[in-house]
């Protein structure tokens, strides 16, 4: 099993899991249609994960496995599953819309990946993508409570996705 993780800055209520585009390749990507209630928006070369909160940090883990994931505990909400086929060569990582690539998560081992927080996908393979989140059910209430308490307009809570 290949696994990478990092902390991503969520801005404008979303972040990306997207393929790295090598220099010289047409990198024009189809922009997601945010006029949807879908928690995950799939476009060629990118999955856009939509948060219930405007701005925060989230701990994100990507895993590549040959089997479907086991049923998660009730704390984890399954947002759905999709089929994904790589379009730009298969290196896929986590990034924020304004903050760039995810940073290393403190106290987390890289899984032997060094500093490369990318999954390496076979461009000839269609993958099943399963997305889970923790903390969505009360994230808006926690955000509003923090805002009301004078903690500013953004919260930094890795549980909120």
N, C-alpha and C. Protein backbone atom coordinates (compact mmCIF):
# COMPACT_ATOMS: atom_id res chain seq x y z
N UNK A 1 0.86 -1.17 0.00
CA UNK A 1 0.00 0.00 0.00
C UNK A 1 0.90 1.23 0.00
N UNK A 2 0.62 2.14 -0.90
CA UNK A 2 1.32 3.42 -0.96
C UNK A 2 0.46 4.45 -0.24
N UNK A 3 1.11 5.31 0.57
CA UNK A 3 0.35 6.29 1.33
C UNK A 3 1.16 7.58 1.45
N UNK A 4 0.47 8.70 1.29
CA UNK A 4 1.07 10.02 1.50
C UNK A 4 0.08 10.86 2.29
N UNK A 5 0.60 11.81 3.04
CA UNK A 5 -0.29 12.68 3.80
C UNK A 5 0.34 14.04 3.98
N UNK A 6 -0.49 14.98 4.38
CA UNK A 6 -0.01 16.31 4.65
C UNK A 6 -1.14 17.18 5.17
N UNK A 7 -0.78 18.38 5.58
CA UNK A 7 -1.76 19.36 6.05
C UNK A 7 -1.95 20.35 4.92
N UNK A 8 -3.19 20.53 4.52
CA UNK A 8 -3.50 21.42 3.41
C UNK A 8 -4.31 22.61 3.91
N UNK A 9 -4.03 23.77 3.34
CA UNK A 9 -4.79 24.98 3.67
C UNK A 9 -6.02 25.05 2.78
N UNK A 10 -7.18 24.98 3.40
CA UNK A 10 -8.44 25.08 2.68
C UNK A 10 -8.83 26.54 2.63
N UNK A 11 -9.07 27.04 1.44
CA UNK A 11 -9.53 28.41 1.23
C UNK A 11 -10.72 28.35 0.28
N UNK A 12 -11.62 29.30 0.39
CA UNK A 12 -12.82 29.32 -0.46
C UNK A 12 -13.59 28.00 -0.36
N UNK A 13 -13.51 27.36 0.79
CA UNK A 13 -14.23 26.13 1.10
C UNK A 13 -13.85 24.93 0.23
N UNK A 14 -12.60 24.88 -0.25
CA UNK A 14 -12.21 23.69 -1.00
C UNK A 14 -10.69 23.50 -1.05
N UNK A 15 -10.30 22.29 -1.43
CA UNK A 15 -8.90 21.98 -1.73
C UNK A 15 -8.88 20.94 -2.84
N UNK A 16 -7.69 20.68 -3.37
CA UNK A 16 -7.56 19.81 -4.53
C UNK A 16 -6.73 18.57 -4.25
N UNK A 17 -7.09 17.50 -4.89
CA UNK A 17 -6.24 16.33 -5.07
C UNK A 17 -6.07 16.27 -6.58
N UNK A 18 -4.89 16.65 -7.05
CA UNK A 18 -4.72 16.81 -8.49
C UNK A 18 -3.40 16.26 -8.97
N UNK A 19 -3.37 16.00 -10.26
CA UNK A 19 -2.17 15.49 -10.89
C UNK A 19 -1.16 16.62 -11.08
N UNK A 20 0.11 16.28 -10.92
CA UNK A 20 1.20 17.21 -11.20
C UNK A 20 1.34 17.27 -12.72
N UNK A 21 1.43 18.46 -13.25
CA UNK A 21 1.58 18.64 -14.69
C UNK A 21 3.02 19.03 -14.97
N UNK A 22 3.69 18.23 -15.77
CA UNK A 22 5.09 18.48 -16.11
C UNK A 22 5.21 19.69 -17.02
N UNK A 23 6.32 20.42 -16.94
CA UNK A 23 6.53 21.57 -17.83
C UNK A 23 6.42 21.15 -19.30
N UNK A 24 5.79 22.01 -20.09
CA UNK A 24 5.64 21.74 -21.52
C UNK A 24 4.36 21.01 -21.89
N UNK A 25 3.61 20.55 -20.89
CA UNK A 25 2.35 19.87 -21.15
C UNK A 25 1.22 20.87 -20.96
N UNK A 26 0.22 20.82 -21.83
CA UNK A 26 -0.93 21.71 -21.70
C UNK A 26 -1.59 21.45 -20.36
N UNK A 27 -1.53 22.41 -19.47
CA UNK A 27 -2.06 22.22 -18.12
C UNK A 27 -3.44 22.81 -17.94
N UNK A 28 -4.10 23.21 -19.01
CA UNK A 28 -5.42 23.78 -18.85
C UNK A 28 -6.36 22.72 -18.29
N UNK A 29 -6.91 23.01 -17.15
CA UNK A 29 -7.82 22.07 -16.52
C UNK A 29 -9.22 22.66 -16.51
N UNK A 30 -10.16 21.79 -16.57
CA UNK A 30 -11.55 22.21 -16.51
C UNK A 30 -11.85 22.67 -15.08
N UNK A 31 -12.34 23.88 -14.95
CA UNK A 31 -12.66 24.40 -13.62
C UNK A 31 -13.91 23.70 -13.08
N UNK A 32 -13.91 23.39 -11.78
CA UNK A 32 -15.08 22.73 -11.21
C UNK A 32 -16.28 23.66 -11.18
N UNK A 33 -17.46 23.09 -11.29
CA UNK A 33 -18.70 23.85 -11.17
C UNK A 33 -19.10 23.84 -9.70
N UNK A 34 -18.87 24.96 -9.02
CA UNK A 34 -19.15 25.03 -7.60
C UNK A 34 -20.63 25.24 -7.28
N UNK A 35 -21.47 25.32 -8.29
CA UNK A 35 -22.91 25.47 -8.06
C UNK A 35 -23.53 24.09 -7.87
N UNK A 36 -23.01 23.36 -6.93
CA UNK A 36 -23.49 22.02 -6.63
C UNK A 36 -23.39 21.78 -5.13
N UNK A 37 -24.14 20.86 -4.64
CA UNK A 37 -24.05 20.47 -3.24
C UNK A 37 -23.15 19.25 -3.07
N UNK A 38 -22.52 18.81 -4.16
CA UNK A 38 -21.65 17.63 -4.10
C UNK A 38 -20.42 17.92 -3.24
N UNK A 39 -20.04 16.99 -2.35
CA UNK A 39 -18.86 17.21 -1.53
C UNK A 39 -17.54 16.98 -2.29
N UNK A 40 -17.61 16.30 -3.43
CA UNK A 40 -16.43 16.05 -4.26
C UNK A 40 -16.82 16.33 -5.71
N UNK A 41 -16.00 17.15 -6.39
CA UNK A 41 -16.26 17.49 -7.79
C UNK A 41 -15.11 16.91 -8.61
N UNK A 42 -15.43 16.03 -9.53
CA UNK A 42 -14.43 15.37 -10.35
C UNK A 42 -14.33 16.06 -11.71
N UNK A 43 -13.11 16.50 -12.06
CA UNK A 43 -12.82 17.06 -13.38
C UNK A 43 -11.55 16.37 -13.87
N UNK A 44 -11.27 16.39 -15.17
CA UNK A 44 -10.06 15.73 -15.67
C UNK A 44 -8.79 16.24 -14.97
N UNK A 45 -8.04 15.32 -14.38
CA UNK A 45 -6.81 15.68 -13.71
C UNK A 45 -6.94 16.16 -12.28
N UNK A 46 -8.17 16.22 -11.76
CA UNK A 46 -8.35 16.82 -10.43
C UNK A 46 -9.65 16.36 -9.76
N UNK A 47 -9.55 16.17 -8.44
CA UNK A 47 -10.72 16.03 -7.59
C UNK A 47 -10.73 17.27 -6.70
N UNK A 48 -11.85 17.96 -6.63
CA UNK A 48 -11.99 19.11 -5.76
C UNK A 48 -12.84 18.68 -4.58
N UNK A 49 -12.27 18.78 -3.38
CA UNK A 49 -12.98 18.41 -2.17
C UNK A 49 -13.56 19.69 -1.58
N UNK A 50 -14.88 19.69 -1.37
CA UNK A 50 -15.58 20.88 -0.88
C UNK A 50 -15.80 20.75 0.62
N UNK A 51 -15.39 21.77 1.34
CA UNK A 51 -15.53 21.82 2.79
C UNK A 51 -16.81 22.57 3.17
N UNK A 52 -17.28 22.32 4.37
CA UNK A 52 -18.43 23.06 4.89
C UNK A 52 -18.02 24.39 5.51
N UNK A 53 -16.71 24.65 5.57
CA UNK A 53 -16.17 25.84 6.22
C UNK A 53 -15.28 26.59 5.24
N UNK A 54 -15.30 27.90 5.32
CA UNK A 54 -14.58 28.78 4.39
C UNK A 54 -13.07 28.58 4.41
N UNK A 55 -12.45 28.61 5.60
CA UNK A 55 -11.00 28.64 5.67
C UNK A 55 -10.52 27.88 6.91
N UNK A 56 -9.67 26.90 6.69
CA UNK A 56 -9.08 26.14 7.79
C UNK A 56 -8.00 25.23 7.25
N UNK A 57 -7.30 24.54 8.13
CA UNK A 57 -6.32 23.54 7.73
C UNK A 57 -6.93 22.16 7.93
N UNK A 58 -6.56 21.22 7.08
CA UNK A 58 -7.06 19.85 7.21
C UNK A 58 -5.91 18.87 7.00
N UNK A 59 -5.91 17.82 7.77
CA UNK A 59 -4.96 16.73 7.64
C UNK A 59 -5.56 15.78 6.61
N UNK A 60 -4.85 15.54 5.51
CA UNK A 60 -5.36 14.72 4.42
C UNK A 60 -4.42 13.55 4.20
N UNK A 61 -4.99 12.37 4.03
CA UNK A 61 -4.21 11.17 3.73
C UNK A 61 -4.73 10.57 2.44
N UNK A 62 -3.80 10.28 1.52
CA UNK A 62 -4.13 9.57 0.29
C UNK A 62 -3.53 8.17 0.40
N UNK A 63 -4.31 7.16 0.07
CA UNK A 63 -3.81 5.79 0.10
C UNK A 63 -4.11 5.12 -1.22
N UNK A 64 -3.14 4.36 -1.71
CA UNK A 64 -3.30 3.60 -2.93
C UNK A 64 -3.23 2.13 -2.54
N UNK A 65 -4.32 1.41 -2.78
CA UNK A 65 -4.41 0.02 -2.36
C UNK A 65 -5.03 -0.79 -3.49
N UNK A 66 -4.72 -2.06 -3.53
CA UNK A 66 -5.30 -2.94 -4.55
C UNK A 66 -6.67 -3.46 -4.14
N UNK A 67 -7.10 -3.20 -2.92
CA UNK A 67 -8.41 -3.65 -2.46
C UNK A 67 -9.23 -2.46 -1.99
N UNK A 68 -10.54 -2.63 -1.94
CA UNK A 68 -11.41 -1.56 -1.43
C UNK A 68 -11.15 -1.35 0.05
N UNK A 69 -11.32 -0.12 0.53
CA UNK A 69 -11.09 0.13 1.96
C UNK A 69 -12.12 -0.60 2.80
N UNK A 70 -11.71 -0.94 4.01
CA UNK A 70 -12.64 -1.56 4.94
C UNK A 70 -13.60 -0.49 5.45
N UNK A 71 -14.74 -0.92 5.94
CA UNK A 71 -15.72 0.02 6.48
C UNK A 71 -15.09 0.83 7.61
N UNK A 72 -15.17 2.14 7.52
CA UNK A 72 -14.60 3.02 8.54
C UNK A 72 -15.51 3.08 9.75
N UNK A 73 -14.96 3.55 10.87
CA UNK A 73 -15.77 3.70 12.07
C UNK A 73 -16.85 4.75 11.81
N UNK A 74 -17.83 4.80 12.68
CA UNK A 74 -18.95 5.73 12.48
C UNK A 74 -18.53 7.19 12.54
N UNK A 75 -17.33 7.49 13.07
CA UNK A 75 -16.85 8.86 13.09
C UNK A 75 -16.52 9.37 11.69
N UNK A 76 -16.27 8.45 10.77
CA UNK A 76 -15.90 8.81 9.40
C UNK A 76 -17.12 8.72 8.49
N UNK A 77 -17.38 9.78 7.78
CA UNK A 77 -18.51 9.85 6.85
C UNK A 77 -17.99 9.55 5.44
N UNK A 78 -18.63 8.62 4.76
CA UNK A 78 -18.24 8.33 3.37
C UNK A 78 -18.93 9.35 2.48
N UNK A 79 -18.11 10.13 1.76
CA UNK A 79 -18.66 11.16 0.87
C UNK A 79 -19.04 10.60 -0.48
N UNK A 80 -18.51 9.44 -0.82
CA UNK A 80 -18.86 8.80 -2.08
C UNK A 80 -17.69 8.09 -2.70
N UNK A 81 -17.94 7.50 -3.85
CA UNK A 81 -16.87 6.86 -4.61
C UNK A 81 -17.07 7.15 -6.09
N UNK A 82 -15.94 7.26 -6.80
CA UNK A 82 -15.92 7.63 -8.20
C UNK A 82 -14.86 6.82 -8.93
N UNK A 83 -14.92 6.82 -10.24
CA UNK A 83 -13.87 6.22 -11.05
C UNK A 83 -13.00 7.35 -11.59
N UNK A 84 -11.68 7.16 -11.51
CA UNK A 84 -10.75 8.18 -11.95
C UNK A 84 -9.69 7.55 -12.85
N UNK A 85 -9.43 8.16 -13.98
CA UNK A 85 -8.35 7.74 -14.88
C UNK A 85 -7.38 8.91 -15.01
N UNK A 86 -6.08 8.68 -14.71
CA UNK A 86 -5.08 9.76 -14.82
C UNK A 86 -5.03 10.33 -16.24
N UNK A 87 -4.77 11.64 -16.33
CA UNK A 87 -4.69 12.29 -17.65
C UNK A 87 -3.35 12.98 -17.88
N UNK A 88 -2.56 13.22 -16.84
CA UNK A 88 -1.29 13.94 -16.99
C UNK A 88 -0.09 13.11 -16.56
N UNK A 89 -0.16 11.82 -16.56
CA UNK A 89 1.01 11.01 -16.24
C UNK A 89 0.97 10.28 -14.92
N UNK A 90 0.06 10.63 -14.03
CA UNK A 90 -0.16 9.80 -12.86
C UNK A 90 0.46 10.20 -11.54
N UNK A 91 1.17 11.32 -11.42
CA UNK A 91 1.63 11.78 -10.10
C UNK A 91 0.56 12.68 -9.51
N UNK A 92 -0.04 12.25 -8.39
CA UNK A 92 -1.18 12.97 -7.84
C UNK A 92 -0.88 13.39 -6.41
N UNK A 93 -1.15 14.69 -6.11
CA UNK A 93 -0.87 15.21 -4.77
C UNK A 93 -1.98 16.09 -4.24
N UNK A 94 -1.77 16.62 -3.06
CA UNK A 94 -2.74 17.42 -2.32
C UNK A 94 -2.30 18.88 -2.36
N UNK A 95 -3.23 19.80 -2.65
CA UNK A 95 -2.86 21.22 -2.62
C UNK A 95 -4.08 22.09 -2.31
N UNK A 96 -3.78 23.26 -1.77
CA UNK A 96 -4.81 24.25 -1.49
C UNK A 96 -4.90 25.23 -2.64
N UNK A 97 -6.05 25.89 -2.83
CA UNK A 97 -6.22 26.80 -3.95
C UNK A 97 -5.30 28.02 -3.90
N UNK A 98 -4.90 28.46 -2.71
CA UNK A 98 -4.01 29.61 -2.60
C UNK A 98 -2.72 29.27 -1.85
N UNK A 99 -2.70 28.15 -1.12
CA UNK A 99 -1.55 27.82 -0.28
C UNK A 99 -0.59 26.84 -0.94
N UNK A 100 -0.96 26.26 -2.06
CA UNK A 100 -0.07 25.34 -2.75
C UNK A 100 -0.05 23.95 -2.12
N UNK A 101 1.03 23.21 -2.38
CA UNK A 101 1.11 21.82 -1.92
C UNK A 101 0.98 21.68 -0.41
N UNK A 102 0.44 20.55 0.00
CA UNK A 102 0.31 20.24 1.43
C UNK A 102 1.69 20.20 2.07
N UNK A 103 1.74 20.58 3.32
CA UNK A 103 2.99 20.53 4.07
C UNK A 103 3.02 19.25 4.90
N UNK A 104 4.21 18.83 5.31
CA UNK A 104 4.28 17.60 6.12
C UNK A 104 3.47 17.75 7.40
N UNK A 105 2.77 16.70 7.76
CA UNK A 105 2.00 16.69 9.01
C UNK A 105 2.96 16.35 10.14
N UNK A 106 2.93 17.13 11.21
CA UNK A 106 3.83 16.87 12.34
C UNK A 106 3.54 15.50 12.93
N UNK A 107 4.59 14.84 13.37
CA UNK A 107 4.49 13.53 14.03
C UNK A 107 3.91 12.45 13.12
N UNK A 108 4.06 12.61 11.82
CA UNK A 108 3.57 11.59 10.89
C UNK A 108 4.73 11.10 10.06
N UNK A 109 4.88 9.81 10.01
CA UNK A 109 5.96 9.23 9.21
C UNK A 109 5.58 9.29 7.75
N UNK A 110 6.55 9.51 6.90
CA UNK A 110 6.27 9.68 5.47
C UNK A 110 5.96 8.37 4.78
N UNK A 111 6.11 7.23 5.44
CA UNK A 111 5.85 5.95 4.80
C UNK A 111 6.93 5.60 3.80
N UNK A 112 8.12 6.16 3.98
CA UNK A 112 9.22 5.87 3.08
C UNK A 112 9.20 6.71 1.82
N UNK A 113 8.30 7.67 1.73
CA UNK A 113 8.16 8.49 0.53
C UNK A 113 9.11 9.67 0.52
N UNK A 114 9.86 9.87 1.61
CA UNK A 114 10.70 11.06 1.68
C UNK A 114 9.83 12.29 1.73
N UNK A 115 10.18 13.32 0.95
CA UNK A 115 9.40 14.55 0.95
C UNK A 115 8.42 14.61 -0.21
N UNK A 116 8.32 13.56 -1.00
CA UNK A 116 7.40 13.54 -2.14
C UNK A 116 6.02 13.11 -1.66
N UNK A 117 5.11 14.07 -1.50
CA UNK A 117 3.76 13.76 -1.06
C UNK A 117 2.86 13.58 -2.27
N UNK A 118 3.20 12.58 -3.09
CA UNK A 118 2.42 12.28 -4.29
C UNK A 118 2.20 10.78 -4.39
N UNK A 119 1.03 10.41 -4.87
CA UNK A 119 0.79 9.01 -5.24
C UNK A 119 1.23 8.84 -6.69
N UNK A 120 1.73 7.68 -7.01
CA UNK A 120 2.17 7.39 -8.37
C UNK A 120 1.18 6.41 -8.99
N UNK A 121 0.38 6.92 -9.92
CA UNK A 121 -0.67 6.13 -10.55
C UNK A 121 -0.25 5.68 -11.95
N UNK A 122 -0.75 4.54 -12.36
CA UNK A 122 -0.51 4.04 -13.71
C UNK A 122 -1.50 4.74 -14.65
N UNK A 123 -1.01 5.50 -15.64
CA UNK A 123 -1.91 6.24 -16.53
C UNK A 123 -2.87 5.35 -17.33
N UNK A 124 -2.56 4.06 -17.44
CA UNK A 124 -3.41 3.14 -18.20
C UNK A 124 -4.49 2.48 -17.34
N UNK A 125 -4.58 2.84 -16.08
CA UNK A 125 -5.50 2.19 -15.15
C UNK A 125 -6.61 3.14 -14.73
N UNK A 126 -7.83 2.62 -14.64
CA UNK A 126 -8.94 3.37 -14.05
C UNK A 126 -9.01 2.99 -12.57
N UNK A 127 -9.01 3.97 -11.70
CA UNK A 127 -8.97 3.75 -10.27
C UNK A 127 -10.33 4.02 -9.64
N UNK A 128 -10.66 3.26 -8.60
CA UNK A 128 -11.82 3.54 -7.77
C UNK A 128 -11.38 4.49 -6.67
N UNK A 129 -12.02 5.63 -6.56
CA UNK A 129 -11.68 6.63 -5.54
C UNK A 129 -12.78 6.61 -4.48
N UNK A 130 -12.37 6.46 -3.23
CA UNK A 130 -13.29 6.48 -2.09
C UNK A 130 -12.88 7.65 -1.21
N UNK A 131 -13.81 8.53 -0.89
CA UNK A 131 -13.49 9.73 -0.10
C UNK A 131 -14.26 9.66 1.21
N UNK A 132 -13.51 9.83 2.31
CA UNK A 132 -14.08 9.85 3.65
C UNK A 132 -13.71 11.16 4.33
N UNK A 133 -14.55 11.62 5.25
CA UNK A 133 -14.27 12.84 6.00
C UNK A 133 -14.69 12.62 7.45
N UNK A 134 -14.08 13.40 8.31
CA UNK A 134 -14.39 13.33 9.74
C UNK A 134 -14.65 14.75 10.23
N UNK A 135 -15.76 14.95 10.90
CA UNK A 135 -16.06 16.25 11.51
C UNK A 135 -16.98 17.14 10.70
N UNK A 136 -17.45 16.70 9.54
CA UNK A 136 -18.31 17.54 8.71
C UNK A 136 -19.65 17.87 9.35
N UNK A 137 -20.19 16.93 10.12
CA UNK A 137 -21.54 17.10 10.66
C UNK A 137 -21.67 18.31 11.59
N UNK A 138 -20.58 18.70 12.26
CA UNK A 138 -20.67 19.86 13.14
C UNK A 138 -19.64 20.94 12.81
N UNK A 139 -19.02 20.85 11.66
CA UNK A 139 -17.96 21.81 11.32
C UNK A 139 -18.47 23.24 11.20
N UNK A 140 -19.61 23.45 10.61
CA UNK A 140 -20.15 24.79 10.47
C UNK A 140 -20.45 25.39 11.83
N UNK A 141 -21.03 24.61 12.72
CA UNK A 141 -21.35 25.11 14.07
C UNK A 141 -20.07 25.46 14.83
N UNK A 142 -19.03 24.63 14.72
CA UNK A 142 -17.76 24.93 15.38
C UNK A 142 -17.13 26.19 14.80
N UNK A 143 -17.22 26.36 13.50
CA UNK A 143 -16.67 27.54 12.83
C UNK A 143 -17.38 28.80 13.33
N UNK A 144 -18.71 28.77 13.34
CA UNK A 144 -19.49 29.93 13.79
C UNK A 144 -19.23 30.23 15.26
N UNK A 145 -19.10 29.20 16.09
CA UNK A 145 -18.83 29.40 17.51
C UNK A 145 -17.46 30.06 17.70
N UNK A 146 -16.47 29.63 16.96
CA UNK A 146 -15.14 30.21 17.06
C UNK A 146 -15.15 31.66 16.60
N UNK A 147 -15.90 31.94 15.54
CA UNK A 147 -16.02 33.30 15.02
C UNK A 147 -16.70 34.20 16.05
N UNK A 148 -17.76 33.71 16.67
CA UNK A 148 -18.50 34.48 17.67
C UNK A 148 -17.66 34.73 18.92
N UNK A 149 -16.78 33.83 19.23
CA UNK A 149 -15.95 33.96 20.42
C UNK A 149 -14.80 34.94 20.20
N UNK A 150 -14.70 35.48 18.97
CA UNK A 150 -13.66 36.45 18.71
C UNK A 150 -12.36 35.85 18.24
N UNK A 151 -12.41 34.63 17.77
CA UNK A 151 -11.19 33.97 17.31
C UNK A 151 -10.89 34.28 15.85
N UNK A 152 -11.51 35.27 15.29
CA UNK A 152 -11.22 35.62 13.90
C UNK A 152 -12.15 34.95 12.93
N UNK A 153 -11.90 35.19 11.67
CA UNK A 153 -12.78 34.69 10.63
C UNK A 153 -12.44 33.29 10.19
N UNK A 154 -11.34 32.75 10.64
CA UNK A 154 -11.03 31.39 10.21
C UNK A 154 -10.62 30.55 11.40
N UNK A 155 -10.93 29.28 11.31
CA UNK A 155 -10.50 28.34 12.32
C UNK A 155 -9.49 27.40 11.70
N UNK A 156 -8.65 26.87 12.49
CA UNK A 156 -7.65 25.92 12.03
C UNK A 156 -7.90 24.62 12.76
N UNK A 157 -8.73 23.77 12.21
CA UNK A 157 -9.12 22.53 12.84
C UNK A 157 -8.97 21.39 11.85
N UNK A 158 -8.06 20.50 12.12
CA UNK A 158 -7.79 19.43 11.16
C UNK A 158 -8.92 18.43 11.06
N UNK A 159 -9.91 18.48 11.95
CA UNK A 159 -11.03 17.56 11.84
C UNK A 159 -12.05 18.03 10.81
N UNK A 160 -12.03 19.30 10.49
CA UNK A 160 -13.05 19.88 9.63
C UNK A 160 -12.70 19.68 8.16
N UNK A 161 -13.51 18.96 7.46
CA UNK A 161 -13.32 18.79 6.02
C UNK A 161 -14.65 18.74 5.34
